[in-house]
N, C-alpha and C. Protein backbone atom coordinates (compact mmCIF):
# COMPACT_ATOMS: atom_id res chain seq x y z
N MET A 1 6.08 0.60 -3.11
CA MET A 1 5.84 1.75 -2.34
C MET A 1 5.91 1.22 -0.74
N ARG A 2 6.72 0.43 -0.58
CA ARG A 2 7.23 -0.08 0.48
C ARG A 2 8.83 0.42 0.67
N SER A 3 8.85 1.17 2.01
CA SER A 3 10.47 1.94 1.88
C SER A 3 11.09 1.45 2.74
N THR A 4 12.26 0.80 2.58
CA THR A 4 13.51 0.21 3.65
C THR A 4 14.12 1.66 4.00
N LYS A 5 14.19 2.52 3.18
CA LYS A 5 15.04 3.86 3.92
C LYS A 5 13.99 4.95 4.31
N GLU A 6 12.79 4.93 4.16
CA GLU A 6 11.69 6.00 4.68
C GLU A 6 10.42 5.17 5.05
N PRO A 7 10.20 4.20 5.99
CA PRO A 7 9.15 3.39 6.08
C PRO A 7 8.04 4.64 6.75
N TRP A 8 8.37 5.47 7.35
CA TRP A 8 7.37 6.41 7.55
C TRP A 8 6.51 6.50 6.52
N LYS A 9 6.78 6.37 5.35
CA LYS A 9 6.17 6.91 3.99
C LYS A 9 5.26 5.79 3.61
N ASP A 10 5.30 4.79 4.32
CA ASP A 10 4.45 3.46 3.79
C ASP A 10 3.14 3.63 4.38
N GLY A 11 2.62 4.26 5.14
CA GLY A 11 1.32 4.56 5.46
C GLY A 11 0.83 5.64 4.60
N ASN A 12 1.43 6.39 3.92
CA ASN A 12 0.85 7.83 3.21
C ASN A 12 -0.59 7.27 2.28
N SER A 13 -1.31 7.94 2.44
CA SER A 13 -2.61 8.07 1.37
C SER A 13 -2.27 8.27 -0.03
N LEU A 14 -3.13 8.18 -0.93
CA LEU A 14 -2.86 8.26 -2.32
C LEU A 14 -2.76 9.58 -2.42
N ALA A 15 -3.57 10.41 -1.54
CA ALA A 15 -3.49 11.59 -1.61
C ALA A 15 -2.08 12.69 -1.07
N ARG A 16 -1.60 12.26 -0.43
CA ARG A 16 -0.54 12.46 0.29
C ARG A 16 0.27 12.54 -0.69
N LEU A 17 0.59 11.07 -1.47
CA LEU A 17 1.47 10.70 -2.44
C LEU A 17 1.66 11.68 -3.85
N LEU A 18 0.30 11.92 -3.95
CA LEU A 18 -0.01 12.68 -4.96
C LEU A 18 0.57 14.50 -4.59
N LEU A 19 0.95 14.79 -3.69
CA LEU A 19 1.39 16.40 -3.30
C LEU A 19 2.97 16.01 -3.94
N ASP A 20 3.40 14.74 -3.91
CA ASP A 20 5.06 14.61 -4.45
C ASP A 20 5.07 14.51 -6.03
N ASP A 21 4.06 13.53 -6.16
CA ASP A 21 4.31 12.96 -7.71
C ASP A 21 2.97 12.89 -8.38
N PRO A 22 3.24 12.89 -9.84
CA PRO A 22 1.92 12.99 -10.61
C PRO A 22 1.26 11.64 -10.73
N ILE A 23 -0.08 11.42 -10.59
CA ILE A 23 -0.72 10.08 -10.29
C ILE A 23 -0.45 8.77 -11.33
N ASP A 24 -0.03 9.55 -12.66
CA ASP A 24 0.85 7.99 -13.63
C ASP A 24 1.71 7.76 -12.88
N SER A 25 2.71 8.46 -12.15
CA SER A 25 4.17 7.81 -11.56
C SER A 25 3.81 6.67 -10.03
N VAL A 26 2.68 7.11 -9.59
CA VAL A 26 2.12 6.21 -8.30
C VAL A 26 0.99 5.22 -8.58
N ARG A 27 0.07 5.44 -9.60
CA ARG A 27 -1.01 4.44 -9.55
C ARG A 27 -0.59 3.03 -9.32
N ASP A 28 -0.05 2.42 -10.29
CA ASP A 28 0.13 1.21 -10.45
C ASP A 28 0.78 0.72 -9.30
N ALA A 29 1.61 1.48 -8.83
CA ALA A 29 2.54 1.02 -7.36
C ALA A 29 1.58 0.96 -6.25
N TRP A 30 0.80 1.92 -5.95
CA TRP A 30 -0.37 2.31 -5.38
C TRP A 30 -1.30 0.91 -4.98
N ILE A 31 -1.83 0.98 -6.59
CA ILE A 31 -2.75 -0.49 -6.60
C ILE A 31 -1.93 -1.74 -6.44
N GLN A 32 -1.01 -1.90 -6.73
CA GLN A 32 -0.04 -3.40 -6.14
C GLN A 32 -0.07 -3.39 -4.78
N ASP A 33 0.28 -2.19 -3.82
CA ASP A 33 0.10 -2.14 -2.66
C ASP A 33 -1.04 -2.39 -2.14
N GLN A 34 -2.05 -1.84 -2.57
CA GLN A 34 -3.78 -2.12 -2.07
C GLN A 34 -3.90 -3.73 -2.54
N GLN A 35 -3.63 -4.45 -3.14
CA GLN A 35 -3.94 -5.57 -3.26
C GLN A 35 -3.29 -6.39 -2.36
N TYR A 36 -1.99 -6.04 -2.14
CA TYR A 36 -0.70 -6.54 -1.42
C TYR A 36 -1.22 -6.95 0.01
N ARG A 37 -1.91 -5.67 0.65
CA ARG A 37 -2.47 -5.60 1.82
C ARG A 37 -3.97 -6.10 1.81
N ALA A 38 -4.41 -6.31 0.72
CA ALA A 38 -6.22 -6.88 1.17
C ALA A 38 -5.70 -8.39 1.17
N GLY A 39 -4.94 -8.54 0.30
CA GLY A 39 -4.32 -10.22 0.64
C GLY A 39 -3.93 -10.84 1.92
N ARG A 40 -3.04 -9.92 2.41
CA ARG A 40 -2.46 -10.15 4.22
C ARG A 40 -4.04 -9.93 4.64
N TYR A 41 -4.54 -9.36 4.74
CA TYR A 41 -6.07 -8.97 5.43
C TYR A 41 -6.69 -10.18 5.08
N ARG A 42 -7.03 -10.73 4.05
CA ARG A 42 -7.69 -12.22 4.02
C ARG A 42 -7.07 -13.23 4.57
N ALA A 43 -5.62 -13.42 4.51
CA ALA A 43 -5.06 -14.53 5.04
C ALA A 43 -4.94 -14.46 6.15
N ALA A 44 -4.93 -13.40 7.41
CA ALA A 44 -5.31 -13.29 8.55
C ALA A 44 -6.80 -13.84 8.97
N ALA A 45 -7.70 -13.17 8.24
CA ALA A 45 -9.06 -13.63 8.37
C ALA A 45 -9.48 -14.84 8.31
N ALA A 46 -8.79 -15.42 7.14
CA ALA A 46 -9.08 -16.98 7.17
C ALA A 46 -8.14 -17.73 8.63
N SER A 47 -7.11 -17.14 8.82
CA SER A 47 -6.46 -17.91 9.45
C SER A 47 -6.96 -18.02 11.05
N ASP A 48 -7.78 -17.04 11.35
CA ASP A 48 -8.53 -16.66 12.64
C ASP A 48 -9.84 -16.99 12.53
N GLU A 49 -10.46 -17.74 11.62
CA GLU A 49 -11.87 -18.47 11.32
C GLU A 49 -11.03 -20.07 11.79
N THR A 50 -9.89 -20.85 11.85
CA THR A 50 -9.75 -22.30 12.23
C THR A 50 -9.31 -21.92 13.26
């Protein structure tokens, strides 16, 4: 879901993605992206605590 050719699409919500593609084609990539973002958030929060 991270685009080097079209970075403006990186912030699209699942609802926006579904306007272009059926849910079955974006679900796994969207879940992986949310897990990636959550991991980065947790890592940043943990580094702020030290």
